[in-house]
N, C-alpha and C. Protein backbone atom coordinates (compact mmCIF):
# COMPACT_ATOMS: atom_id res chain seq x y z
N MET A 1 9.86 74.49 54.54
CA MET A 1 9.59 73.16 54.08
C MET A 1 8.10 72.88 54.19
N ALA A 2 7.49 72.44 53.14
CA ALA A 2 6.05 72.15 53.13
C ALA A 2 5.78 70.89 53.93
N GLN A 3 4.67 70.90 54.61
CA GLN A 3 4.27 69.76 55.41
C GLN A 3 3.04 69.14 54.79
N LYS A 4 3.04 67.83 54.63
CA LYS A 4 1.89 67.14 54.06
C LYS A 4 0.79 67.10 55.11
N LEU A 5 -0.41 67.50 54.72
CA LEU A 5 -1.54 67.53 55.64
C LEU A 5 -2.34 66.24 55.50
N ALA A 6 -2.50 65.56 56.61
CA ALA A 6 -3.22 64.29 56.62
C ALA A 6 -4.72 64.54 56.72
N SER A 7 -5.49 63.60 56.23
CA SER A 7 -6.95 63.72 56.31
C SER A 7 -7.49 63.16 57.63
N THR A 8 -6.64 62.45 58.38
CA THR A 8 -7.03 61.93 59.68
C THR A 8 -6.02 62.37 60.73
N ALA A 9 -6.46 62.45 61.97
CA ALA A 9 -5.57 62.84 63.06
C ALA A 9 -4.77 61.64 63.53
N ARG A 10 -3.55 61.91 63.98
CA ARG A 10 -2.76 60.85 64.59
C ARG A 10 -3.41 60.46 65.91
N THR A 11 -3.28 59.19 66.29
CA THR A 11 -3.83 58.74 67.55
C THR A 11 -2.80 57.91 68.29
N GLY A 12 -3.03 57.73 69.58
CA GLY A 12 -2.14 56.89 70.39
C GLY A 12 -0.93 57.65 70.88
N ARG A 13 -0.19 57.00 71.76
CA ARG A 13 0.97 57.64 72.38
C ARG A 13 2.26 56.85 72.14
N ASP A 14 2.24 55.92 71.18
CA ASP A 14 3.40 55.08 70.93
C ASP A 14 4.64 55.88 70.54
N ASN A 15 4.48 56.96 69.82
CA ASN A 15 5.60 57.77 69.36
C ASN A 15 5.78 59.05 70.15
N GLN A 16 5.07 59.17 71.28
CA GLN A 16 5.08 60.38 72.10
C GLN A 16 6.45 60.60 72.74
N ARG A 17 6.88 61.85 72.76
CA ARG A 17 8.12 62.23 73.46
C ARG A 17 7.79 62.62 74.90
N TYR A 18 8.71 62.26 75.80
CA TYR A 18 8.57 62.61 77.21
C TYR A 18 9.86 63.27 77.69
N GLY A 19 9.72 64.19 78.65
CA GLY A 19 10.87 64.89 79.22
C GLY A 19 11.54 64.09 80.30
N THR A 20 12.58 64.67 80.89
CA THR A 20 13.39 63.99 81.89
C THR A 20 12.64 63.72 83.20
N GLN A 21 11.57 64.46 83.45
CA GLN A 21 10.76 64.26 84.66
C GLN A 21 9.53 63.39 84.37
N GLY A 22 9.45 62.82 83.18
CA GLY A 22 8.32 61.99 82.81
C GLY A 22 7.14 62.77 82.24
N GLU A 23 7.32 64.08 82.06
CA GLU A 23 6.24 64.91 81.54
C GLU A 23 6.09 64.72 80.04
N ARG A 24 4.85 64.77 79.57
CA ARG A 24 4.55 64.65 78.14
C ARG A 24 4.94 65.96 77.46
N LEU A 25 5.69 65.88 76.37
CA LEU A 25 6.10 67.07 75.63
C LEU A 25 5.03 67.41 74.60
N VAL A 26 4.49 68.62 74.71
CA VAL A 26 3.35 69.07 73.91
C VAL A 26 3.74 70.30 73.12
N ALA A 27 3.40 70.31 71.83
CA ALA A 27 3.66 71.45 70.95
C ALA A 27 2.34 72.11 70.58
N GLY A 28 2.35 73.43 70.49
CA GLY A 28 1.12 74.13 70.13
C GLY A 28 1.38 75.46 69.48
N VAL A 29 0.29 76.06 68.99
CA VAL A 29 0.39 77.36 68.35
C VAL A 29 -0.60 78.34 68.96
N VAL A 30 -0.22 79.61 68.89
CA VAL A 30 -1.13 80.72 69.14
C VAL A 30 -1.41 81.28 67.75
N PRO A 31 -2.53 80.84 67.12
CA PRO A 31 -2.80 81.21 65.72
C PRO A 31 -3.44 82.58 65.61
N LEU A 32 -2.71 83.51 65.00
CA LEU A 32 -3.17 84.89 64.90
C LEU A 32 -3.64 85.23 63.49
N SER A 33 -4.57 86.18 63.44
CA SER A 33 -5.00 86.74 62.15
C SER A 33 -3.84 87.55 61.58
N ALA A 34 -3.90 87.84 60.29
CA ALA A 34 -2.82 88.57 59.62
C ALA A 34 -2.52 89.91 60.28
N ASP A 35 -3.56 90.60 60.78
CA ASP A 35 -3.34 91.90 61.43
C ASP A 35 -3.09 91.78 62.93
N LYS A 36 -3.03 90.56 63.42
CA LYS A 36 -2.73 90.25 64.83
C LYS A 36 -3.76 90.80 65.82
N THR A 37 -4.98 91.03 65.36
CA THR A 37 -6.02 91.53 66.26
C THR A 37 -6.88 90.41 66.84
N LYS A 38 -6.76 89.19 66.29
CA LYS A 38 -7.58 88.07 66.77
C LYS A 38 -6.75 86.80 66.84
N VAL A 39 -7.20 85.91 67.72
CA VAL A 39 -6.60 84.59 67.88
C VAL A 39 -7.69 83.56 67.65
N LEU A 40 -7.32 82.43 67.05
CA LEU A 40 -8.27 81.36 66.78
C LEU A 40 -8.19 80.33 67.91
N LEU A 41 -9.31 80.16 68.63
CA LEU A 41 -9.38 79.15 69.68
C LEU A 41 -10.26 78.00 69.20
N ILE A 42 -10.05 76.83 69.81
CA ILE A 42 -10.83 75.65 69.48
C ILE A 42 -11.49 75.11 70.75
N GLN A 43 -12.56 74.36 70.56
CA GLN A 43 -13.25 73.78 71.71
C GLN A 43 -12.46 72.59 72.24
N SER A 44 -12.37 72.52 73.55
CA SER A 44 -11.72 71.38 74.21
C SER A 44 -12.64 70.18 74.15
N THR A 45 -12.07 69.01 73.86
CA THR A 45 -12.89 67.80 73.82
C THR A 45 -13.03 67.18 75.20
N ARG A 46 -12.11 67.47 76.11
CA ARG A 46 -12.13 66.83 77.43
C ARG A 46 -12.90 67.62 78.49
N ARG A 47 -12.65 68.92 78.54
CA ARG A 47 -13.16 69.71 79.65
C ARG A 47 -14.18 70.76 79.25
N GLY A 48 -14.50 70.82 77.96
CA GLY A 48 -15.36 71.89 77.51
C GLY A 48 -14.57 73.19 77.48
N GLY A 49 -15.19 74.24 77.06
CA GLY A 49 -14.51 75.53 76.99
C GLY A 49 -13.58 75.61 75.79
N TRP A 50 -12.70 76.59 75.82
CA TRP A 50 -11.84 76.91 74.69
C TRP A 50 -10.38 76.72 75.04
N VAL A 51 -9.59 76.28 74.05
CA VAL A 51 -8.16 76.06 74.22
C VAL A 51 -7.43 76.48 72.94
N LEU A 52 -6.12 76.48 73.01
CA LEU A 52 -5.27 76.69 71.84
C LEU A 52 -4.99 75.33 71.19
N PRO A 53 -4.77 75.28 69.88
CA PRO A 53 -4.39 74.01 69.25
C PRO A 53 -3.04 73.53 69.78
N LYS A 54 -3.02 72.30 70.26
CA LYS A 54 -1.80 71.74 70.84
C LYS A 54 -1.94 70.23 70.93
N GLY A 55 -0.80 69.56 71.05
CA GLY A 55 -0.85 68.12 71.19
C GLY A 55 0.55 67.54 71.26
N GLY A 56 0.62 66.24 71.40
CA GLY A 56 1.89 65.57 71.62
C GLY A 56 2.89 65.74 70.50
N TRP A 57 4.14 65.99 70.92
CA TRP A 57 5.27 66.06 70.01
C TRP A 57 5.77 64.64 69.85
N GLU A 58 5.80 64.14 68.63
CA GLU A 58 6.14 62.75 68.38
C GLU A 58 7.58 62.59 67.89
N ASN A 59 8.11 61.37 68.04
CA ASN A 59 9.51 61.06 67.75
C ASN A 59 9.93 61.30 66.31
N ASP A 60 9.01 61.26 65.38
CA ASP A 60 9.36 61.34 63.96
C ASP A 60 9.20 62.74 63.37
N GLU A 61 9.13 63.77 64.22
CA GLU A 61 8.92 65.12 63.71
C GLU A 61 9.66 66.15 64.55
N ALA A 62 9.99 67.28 63.92
CA ALA A 62 10.55 68.42 64.63
C ALA A 62 9.42 69.09 65.41
N ILE A 63 9.76 69.84 66.43
CA ILE A 63 8.73 70.43 67.29
C ILE A 63 7.84 71.42 66.53
N GLN A 64 8.40 72.21 65.61
CA GLN A 64 7.56 73.12 64.83
C GLN A 64 6.61 72.34 63.92
N GLU A 65 7.07 71.22 63.39
CA GLU A 65 6.20 70.36 62.57
C GLU A 65 5.04 69.84 63.41
N ALA A 66 5.34 69.43 64.65
CA ALA A 66 4.29 68.94 65.54
C ALA A 66 3.26 70.03 65.81
N ALA A 67 3.72 71.25 66.05
CA ALA A 67 2.81 72.37 66.33
C ALA A 67 1.91 72.64 65.12
N ARG A 68 2.49 72.68 63.93
CA ARG A 68 1.70 72.92 62.72
C ARG A 68 0.76 71.75 62.44
N ARG A 69 1.19 70.51 62.70
CA ARG A 69 0.32 69.35 62.52
C ARG A 69 -0.88 69.44 63.44
N GLU A 70 -0.66 69.78 64.69
CA GLU A 70 -1.77 69.90 65.64
C GLU A 70 -2.72 71.01 65.22
N ALA A 71 -2.19 72.12 64.71
CA ALA A 71 -3.04 73.21 64.22
C ALA A 71 -3.95 72.71 63.11
N TRP A 72 -3.39 71.88 62.22
CA TRP A 72 -4.19 71.33 61.13
C TRP A 72 -5.23 70.34 61.66
N GLU A 73 -4.79 69.36 62.47
CA GLU A 73 -5.69 68.32 62.93
C GLU A 73 -6.84 68.87 63.77
N GLU A 74 -6.52 69.80 64.68
CA GLU A 74 -7.52 70.28 65.64
C GLU A 74 -8.31 71.50 65.16
N ALA A 75 -7.67 72.39 64.40
CA ALA A 75 -8.33 73.64 64.02
C ALA A 75 -8.58 73.76 62.52
N GLY A 76 -8.00 72.89 61.73
CA GLY A 76 -8.20 72.96 60.29
C GLY A 76 -7.54 74.16 59.65
N ILE A 77 -6.39 74.55 60.19
CA ILE A 77 -5.69 75.71 59.65
C ILE A 77 -4.31 75.33 59.15
N GLU A 78 -3.91 76.02 58.10
CA GLU A 78 -2.53 75.97 57.64
C GLU A 78 -1.92 77.27 58.12
N CYS A 79 -0.75 77.17 58.76
CA CYS A 79 -0.16 78.36 59.36
C CYS A 79 1.35 78.36 59.20
N THR A 80 1.91 79.55 59.36
CA THR A 80 3.35 79.74 59.31
C THR A 80 3.81 80.17 60.70
N VAL A 81 4.78 79.48 61.24
CA VAL A 81 5.34 79.85 62.54
C VAL A 81 6.13 81.14 62.37
N THR A 82 5.84 82.13 63.23
CA THR A 82 6.49 83.43 63.13
C THR A 82 7.34 83.77 64.36
N LYS A 83 7.12 83.05 65.47
CA LYS A 83 7.85 83.38 66.69
C LYS A 83 7.83 82.19 67.64
N ASP A 84 8.96 81.91 68.26
CA ASP A 84 9.06 80.86 69.28
C ASP A 84 8.68 81.48 70.62
N LEU A 85 7.64 80.95 71.24
CA LEU A 85 7.16 81.49 72.53
C LEU A 85 7.74 80.73 73.72
N GLY A 86 8.48 79.67 73.47
CA GLY A 86 9.18 78.96 74.53
C GLY A 86 8.34 77.94 75.27
N ASN A 87 8.97 77.38 76.32
CA ASN A 87 8.34 76.37 77.17
C ASN A 87 7.49 77.00 78.26
N ILE A 88 6.39 76.35 78.57
CA ILE A 88 5.50 76.77 79.66
C ILE A 88 5.10 75.51 80.42
N PRO A 89 5.41 75.43 81.70
CA PRO A 89 5.04 74.23 82.46
C PRO A 89 3.54 74.11 82.69
N ASP A 90 3.09 72.88 82.78
CA ASP A 90 1.69 72.56 83.07
C ASP A 90 1.36 73.08 84.47
N ARG A 91 0.22 73.72 84.62
CA ARG A 91 -0.16 74.26 85.93
C ARG A 91 -1.40 73.61 86.50
N ARG A 92 -1.83 72.51 85.89
CA ARG A 92 -3.02 71.83 86.41
C ARG A 92 -2.73 71.21 87.78
N ALA A 93 -3.74 71.21 88.61
CA ALA A 93 -3.63 70.59 89.93
C ALA A 93 -3.57 69.07 89.77
N PRO A 94 -2.95 68.36 90.71
CA PRO A 94 -2.85 66.90 90.60
C PRO A 94 -4.19 66.21 90.38
N ASN A 95 -5.26 66.72 90.99
CA ASN A 95 -6.57 66.08 90.81
C ASN A 95 -7.16 66.30 89.42
N GLU A 96 -6.57 67.20 88.63
CA GLU A 96 -7.02 67.44 87.25
C GLU A 96 -6.31 66.54 86.25
N LEU A 97 -5.26 65.86 86.70
CA LEU A 97 -4.48 64.99 85.81
C LEU A 97 -5.10 63.60 85.78
N THR A 98 -5.03 62.97 84.62
CA THR A 98 -5.53 61.60 84.46
C THR A 98 -4.54 60.84 83.58
N PRO A 99 -4.68 59.52 83.47
CA PRO A 99 -3.80 58.78 82.55
C PRO A 99 -3.91 59.30 81.11
N ASN A 100 -5.09 59.79 80.71
CA ASN A 100 -5.26 60.35 79.37
C ASN A 100 -4.79 61.79 79.27
N ALA A 101 -4.58 62.44 80.40
CA ALA A 101 -4.11 63.83 80.42
C ALA A 101 -3.06 63.99 81.52
N PRO A 102 -1.86 63.39 81.30
CA PRO A 102 -0.80 63.49 82.32
C PRO A 102 -0.16 64.87 82.33
N ARG A 103 0.71 65.11 83.31
CA ARG A 103 1.45 66.37 83.39
C ARG A 103 2.18 66.59 82.06
N ALA A 104 2.28 67.85 81.64
CA ALA A 104 2.89 68.17 80.35
C ALA A 104 3.85 69.34 80.47
N MET A 105 4.74 69.44 79.50
CA MET A 105 5.54 70.65 79.27
C MET A 105 5.13 71.14 77.90
N PHE A 106 4.57 72.35 77.86
CA PHE A 106 4.06 72.93 76.62
C PHE A 106 5.15 73.77 75.96
N HIS A 107 5.25 73.68 74.65
CA HIS A 107 6.13 74.56 73.87
C HIS A 107 5.25 75.19 72.80
N PHE A 108 5.08 76.50 72.90
CA PHE A 108 4.19 77.21 71.98
C PHE A 108 4.96 78.06 70.98
N PHE A 109 4.33 78.23 69.82
CA PHE A 109 4.82 79.09 68.76
C PHE A 109 3.70 80.03 68.35
N GLU A 110 4.06 81.28 68.09
CA GLU A 110 3.10 82.18 67.46
C GLU A 110 3.05 81.80 65.99
N ALA A 111 1.86 81.83 65.42
CA ALA A 111 1.71 81.45 64.02
C ALA A 111 0.72 82.37 63.32
N SER A 112 1.00 82.62 62.07
CA SER A 112 0.10 83.41 61.22
C SER A 112 -0.74 82.44 60.39
N VAL A 113 -2.05 82.58 60.49
CA VAL A 113 -2.95 81.68 59.77
C VAL A 113 -2.98 82.06 58.29
N GLN A 114 -2.67 81.10 57.44
CA GLN A 114 -2.64 81.30 55.99
C GLN A 114 -3.95 80.86 55.34
N LYS A 115 -4.55 79.78 55.88
CA LYS A 115 -5.74 79.21 55.25
C LYS A 115 -6.56 78.46 56.29
N GLU A 116 -7.89 78.62 56.21
CA GLU A 116 -8.83 77.85 57.04
C GLU A 116 -9.58 76.89 56.13
N ALA A 117 -9.48 75.60 56.42
CA ALA A 117 -10.16 74.58 55.62
C ALA A 117 -11.61 74.43 56.08
N ASN A 118 -12.46 73.97 55.17
CA ASN A 118 -13.85 73.66 55.52
C ASN A 118 -13.98 72.29 56.15
N GLU A 119 -13.04 71.41 55.83
CA GLU A 119 -13.01 70.06 56.39
C GLU A 119 -11.63 69.82 56.96
N TRP A 120 -11.56 69.20 58.14
CA TRP A 120 -10.29 68.87 58.77
C TRP A 120 -10.49 67.66 59.67
N PRO A 121 -9.39 67.01 60.09
CA PRO A 121 -9.51 65.74 60.81
C PRO A 121 -10.42 65.74 62.03
N GLU A 122 -10.41 66.79 62.84
CA GLU A 122 -11.20 66.79 64.08
C GLU A 122 -12.41 67.72 64.03
N LYS A 123 -12.85 68.06 62.83
CA LYS A 123 -14.01 68.96 62.68
C LYS A 123 -15.23 68.42 63.42
N HIS A 124 -15.42 67.10 63.38
CA HIS A 124 -16.60 66.49 63.99
C HIS A 124 -16.64 66.64 65.51
N LYS A 125 -15.50 66.96 66.13
CA LYS A 125 -15.52 67.09 67.60
C LYS A 125 -15.03 68.42 68.13
N ARG A 126 -14.67 69.35 67.23
CA ARG A 126 -14.16 70.64 67.70
C ARG A 126 -14.73 71.79 66.86
N GLY A 127 -15.22 72.80 67.56
CA GLY A 127 -15.54 74.04 66.89
C GLY A 127 -14.32 74.95 66.94
N ARG A 128 -14.36 76.03 66.21
CA ARG A 128 -13.27 77.01 66.26
C ARG A 128 -13.90 78.40 66.20
N GLN A 129 -13.23 79.34 66.82
CA GLN A 129 -13.77 80.70 66.86
C GLN A 129 -12.65 81.72 66.98
N TRP A 130 -12.73 82.78 66.15
CA TRP A 130 -11.80 83.90 66.27
C TRP A 130 -12.24 84.77 67.44
N MET A 131 -11.27 85.18 68.26
CA MET A 131 -11.57 86.02 69.42
C MET A 131 -10.55 87.14 69.54
N THR A 132 -11.01 88.25 70.13
CA THR A 132 -10.10 89.34 70.47
C THR A 132 -9.24 88.89 71.65
N TYR A 133 -8.22 89.66 71.96
CA TYR A 133 -7.37 89.34 73.10
C TYR A 133 -8.19 89.22 74.39
N GLN A 134 -9.05 90.20 74.65
CA GLN A 134 -9.82 90.20 75.90
C GLN A 134 -10.72 88.98 76.00
N ALA A 135 -11.42 88.64 74.93
CA ALA A 135 -12.32 87.48 74.94
C ALA A 135 -11.53 86.19 75.11
N ALA A 136 -10.39 86.08 74.42
CA ALA A 136 -9.56 84.88 74.53
C ALA A 136 -8.96 84.76 75.92
N LYS A 137 -8.51 85.86 76.49
CA LYS A 137 -7.92 85.85 77.84
C LYS A 137 -8.95 85.32 78.84
N GLN A 138 -10.18 85.76 78.72
CA GLN A 138 -11.25 85.28 79.60
C GLN A 138 -11.54 83.80 79.34
N ALA A 139 -11.61 83.41 78.07
CA ALA A 139 -11.90 82.01 77.73
C ALA A 139 -10.81 81.06 78.19
N LEU A 140 -9.56 81.53 78.21
CA LEU A 140 -8.43 80.69 78.62
C LEU A 140 -8.12 80.77 80.10
N ALA A 141 -8.88 81.57 80.86
CA ALA A 141 -8.62 81.74 82.29
C ALA A 141 -8.50 80.42 83.07
N PRO A 142 -9.31 79.40 82.77
CA PRO A 142 -9.17 78.13 83.50
C PRO A 142 -7.87 77.38 83.19
N ARG A 143 -7.16 77.79 82.15
CA ARG A 143 -5.90 77.14 81.75
C ARG A 143 -4.79 78.19 81.73
N PRO A 144 -4.20 78.51 82.89
CA PRO A 144 -3.21 79.58 82.95
C PRO A 144 -2.00 79.40 82.04
N GLU A 145 -1.61 78.14 81.74
CA GLU A 145 -0.48 77.93 80.84
C GLU A 145 -0.82 78.37 79.42
N LEU A 146 -2.08 78.21 79.03
CA LEU A 146 -2.51 78.65 77.70
C LEU A 146 -2.65 80.17 77.66
N ALA A 147 -3.16 80.74 78.75
CA ALA A 147 -3.26 82.21 78.84
C ALA A 147 -1.86 82.84 78.78
N GLU A 148 -0.88 82.17 79.38
CA GLU A 148 0.50 82.69 79.33
C GLU A 148 1.03 82.66 77.90
N ALA A 149 0.73 81.60 77.16
CA ALA A 149 1.16 81.54 75.76
C ALA A 149 0.55 82.71 74.98
N LEU A 150 -0.73 82.99 75.20
CA LEU A 150 -1.39 84.12 74.56
C LEU A 150 -0.67 85.42 74.93
N ASP A 151 -0.34 85.58 76.21
CA ASP A 151 0.34 86.81 76.66
C ASP A 151 1.74 86.95 76.08
N ARG A 152 2.41 85.84 75.78
CA ARG A 152 3.74 85.90 75.19
C ARG A 152 3.69 86.26 73.69
N SER A 153 2.50 86.13 73.09
CA SER A 153 2.37 86.41 71.66
C SER A 153 2.29 87.92 71.42
N SER A 154 2.32 88.30 70.15
CA SER A 154 2.27 89.72 69.80
C SER A 154 0.87 90.14 69.36
N ILE A 155 -0.17 89.45 69.87
CA ILE A 155 -1.54 89.85 69.57
C ILE A 155 -1.78 91.28 70.05
N VAL A 156 -2.57 92.03 69.30
CA VAL A 156 -2.92 93.38 69.69
C VAL A 156 -3.83 93.32 70.90
N ARG A 157 -3.45 94.03 71.96
CA ARG A 157 -4.23 94.01 73.21
C ARG A 157 -5.19 95.17 73.28
């Protein structure tokens, strides 16, 4: 099913889904090149460094739709989900959590990048970069839940 790509990113948490423990439900992708030798990472707006495209799963969408929407909004990519990587609990320490970044349950999907746009909703605040497994593993080291999603993917190591 084709998904309409918006020119602006969704904002706010009014439609955000939460789990039974009050955790924010977050959908994301591990976006791989066609030959699976590289992963596309984006710059974090909150903490600096590199992260995977991810964001809140909202009430009006299926979880795969949320993951693909976040890939578009944050990385400017159109992608096809190829594998369900499952749930990964948030591993941030309590002092790293804030009202704007509460505890989360991440659900990641491996995705094949079909197209990279020159303009996308969050281009003004996020860079993107293709990385090998080793470079991405090092870049994601401060976020073990994201590194685990990378490890669950079929990227060439």
